[in-house]
Amino acid sequence: MKPGKMRYRVTILSRADTQDEYGNALDDWNEDFTCWADIVPVTGREYFSAEQSVSETQYKVYIRYRDSITIMGPLSRPLKKYLSVS
């Protein structure tokens, strides 16, 4: 891994399962840490749905090894839901 390619500052988020005063589940996020990363587009596609053009792009995010990260599978939600890129 080339450290010079890590030019994006990202904040890694983790899901926090909390409840409101009525016991309803809230979808909250905690900021775990901020680090430098390399974000590489892997695949992209464009298609028409309901007469509108829709595009999707998959990315790989490379960061340095951290003990605090557990193994997790592919993200099923948009990247911006998990990362705050600046």
C-alpha atoms as a PDB file:
ATOM      1  CA  MET A   1       0.000   0.000   0.000  1.00  0.00           C
ATOM      2  CA  LYS A   2       1.319   3.398  -0.936  1.00  0.00           C
ATOM      3  CA  PRO A   3       0.696   5.995   1.783  1.00  0.00           C
ATOM      4  CA  GLY A   4       0.893   8.830  -0.760  1.00  0.00           C
ATOM      5  CA  LYS A   5      -2.307   7.605  -2.420  1.00  0.00           C
ATOM      6  CA  MET A   6      -4.320   8.047   0.771  1.00  0.00           C
ATOM      7  CA  ARG A   7      -5.575  11.530   0.026  1.00  0.00           C
ATOM      8  CA  TYR A   8      -9.130  11.402   1.337  1.00  0.00           C
ATOM      9  CA  ARG A   9      -9.933  12.177   4.958  1.00  0.00           C
ATOM     10  CA  VAL A  10     -12.733   9.814   6.040  1.00  0.00           C
ATOM     11  CA  THR A  11     -14.649   9.322   9.258  1.00  0.00           C
ATOM     12  CA  ILE A  12     -15.649   5.742  10.006  1.00  0.00           C
ATOM     13  CA  LEU A  13     -19.104   5.424  11.566  1.00  0.00           C
ATOM     14  CA  SER A  14     -20.640   2.598  13.552  1.00  0.00           C
ATOM     15  CA  ARG A  15     -24.282   1.909  14.180  1.00  0.00           C
ATOM     16  CA  ALA A  16     -25.597   2.691  17.644  1.00  0.00           C
ATOM     17  CA  ASP A  17     -28.759   0.848  18.594  1.00  0.00           C
ATOM     18  CA  THR A  18     -30.604   3.220  20.894  1.00  0.00           C
ATOM     19  CA  GLN A  19     -34.188   3.718  21.943  1.00  0.00           C
ATOM     20  CA  ASP A  20     -36.274   6.805  22.478  1.00  0.00           C
ATOM     21  CA  GLU A  21     -38.388   7.435  25.572  1.00  0.00           C
ATOM     22  CA  TYR A  22     -41.195   5.274  24.121  1.00  0.00           C
ATOM     23  CA  GLY A  23     -38.969   2.269  23.403  1.00  0.00           C
ATOM     24  CA  ASN A  24     -38.843   2.784  19.640  1.00  0.00           C
ATOM     25  CA  ALA A  25     -35.582   1.854  17.923  1.00  0.00           C
ATOM     26  CA  LEU A  26     -33.565   4.791  16.611  1.00  0.00           C
ATOM     27  CA  ASP A  27     -31.096   4.548  13.741  1.00  0.00           C
ATOM     28  CA  ASP A  28     -28.174   6.518  15.182  1.00  0.00           C
ATOM     29  CA  TRP A  29     -24.511   6.583  14.177  1.00  0.00           C
ATOM     30  CA  ASN A  30     -21.383   7.075  16.285  1.00  0.00           C
ATOM     31  CA  GLU A  31     -18.128   8.452  14.935  1.00  0.00           C
ATOM     32  CA  ASP A  32     -15.468   5.814  15.619  1.00  0.00           C
ATOM     33  CA  PHE A  33     -12.381   7.494  14.205  1.00  0.00           C
ATOM     34  CA  THR A  34     -11.064   9.671  11.399  1.00  0.00           C
ATOM     35  CA  CYS A  35      -8.211   8.569   9.146  1.00  0.00           C
ATOM     36  CA  TRP A  36      -6.683   8.935   5.702  1.00  0.00           C
ATOM     37  CA  ALA A  37      -7.967   6.588   3.004  1.00  0.00           C
ATOM     38  CA  ASP A  38      -7.775   5.794  -0.679  1.00  0.00           C
ATOM     39  CA  ILE A  39     -11.152   5.468  -2.418  1.00  0.00           C
ATOM     40  CA  VAL A  40     -11.040   3.605  -5.727  1.00  0.00           C
ATOM     41  CA  PRO A  41     -14.034   3.139  -8.053  1.00  0.00           C
ATOM     42  CA  VAL A  42     -14.358  -0.542  -8.949  1.00  0.00           C
ATOM     43  CA  THR A  43     -17.408  -0.839 -11.191  1.00  0.00           C
ATOM     44  CA  GLY A  44     -20.099   1.444 -12.452  1.00  0.00           C
ATOM     45  CA  ARG A  45     -23.301   1.075 -14.376  1.00  0.00           C
ATOM     46  CA  GLU A  46     -26.071   3.218 -15.695  1.00  0.00           C
ATOM     47  CA  TYR A  47     -29.607   2.133 -16.448  1.00  0.00           C
ATOM     48  CA  PHE A  48     -33.091   3.519 -16.932  1.00  0.00           C
ATOM     49  CA  SER A  49     -35.736   2.997 -14.285  1.00  0.00           C
ATOM     50  CA  ALA A  50     -39.145   4.651 -14.427  1.00  0.00           C
ATOM     51  CA  GLU A  51     -37.950   6.695 -17.418  1.00  0.00           C
ATOM     52  CA  GLN A  52     -35.099   8.191 -15.402  1.00  0.00           C
ATOM     53  CA  SER A  53     -31.387   7.607 -15.729  1.00  0.00           C
ATOM     54  CA  VAL A  54     -29.938   5.917 -12.639  1.00  0.00           C
ATOM     55  CA  SER A  55     -26.220   5.391 -12.093  1.00  0.00           C
ATOM     56  CA  GLU A  56     -24.485   3.208  -9.521  1.00  0.00           C
ATOM     57  CA  THR A  57     -20.793   3.021  -8.692  1.00  0.00           C
ATOM     58  CA  GLN A  58     -19.066   0.572  -6.365  1.00  0.00           C
ATOM     59  CA  TYR A  59     -15.956   1.663  -4.488  1.00  0.00           C
ATOM     60  CA  LYS A  60     -13.168   0.055  -2.516  1.00  0.00           C
ATOM     61  CA  VAL A  61     -11.946   1.994   0.497  1.00  0.00           C
ATOM     62  CA  TYR A  62      -8.403   1.300   1.666  1.00  0.00           C
ATOM     63  CA  ILE A  63      -7.227   2.381   5.114  1.00  0.00           C
ATOM     64  CA  ARG A  64      -4.336   1.360   7.317  1.00  0.00           C
ATOM     65  CA  TYR A  65      -4.822  -1.612   9.652  1.00  0.00           C
ATOM     66  CA  ARG A  66      -6.561  -0.847  12.957  1.00  0.00           C
ATOM     67  CA  ASP A  67      -7.287  -3.175  15.868  1.00  0.00           C
ATOM     68  CA  SER A  68     -10.604  -1.433  16.532  1.00  0.00           C
ATOM     69  CA  ILE A  69     -12.164  -2.547  13.223  1.00  0.00           C
ATOM     70  CA  THR A  70     -13.970  -5.876  13.188  1.00  0.00           C
ATOM     71  CA  ILE A  71     -14.522  -7.964  10.082  1.00  0.00           C
ATOM     72  CA  MET A  72     -17.541  -6.861   8.131  1.00  0.00           C
ATOM     73  CA  GLY A  73     -19.000  -7.835   4.793  1.00  0.00           C
ATOM     74  CA  PRO A  74     -19.841  -5.628   1.856  1.00  0.00           C
ATOM     75  CA  LEU A  75     -21.832  -2.499   2.609  1.00  0.00           C
ATOM     76  CA  SER A  76     -25.381  -2.718   1.365  1.00  0.00           C
ATOM     77  CA  ARG A  77     -26.113   0.950   1.908  1.00  0.00           C
ATOM     78  CA  PRO A  78     -24.601   3.924   0.109  1.00  0.00           C
ATOM     79  CA  LEU A  79     -20.995   4.725   0.988  1.00  0.00           C
ATOM     80  CA  LYS A  80     -21.861   8.169   2.301  1.00  0.00           C
ATOM     81  CA  LYS A  81     -24.041   6.525   4.977  1.00  0.00           C
ATOM     82  CA  TYR A  82     -20.948   4.944   6.553  1.00  0.00           C
ATOM     83  CA  LEU A  83     -18.247   7.447   5.685  1.00  0.00           C
ATOM     84  CA  SER A  84     -17.965  11.158   5.999  1.00  0.00           C
ATOM     85  CA  VAL A  85     -15.518  12.152   3.263  1.00  0.00           C
ATOM     86  CA  SER A  86     -13.898  15.568   3.377  1.00  0.00           C
END
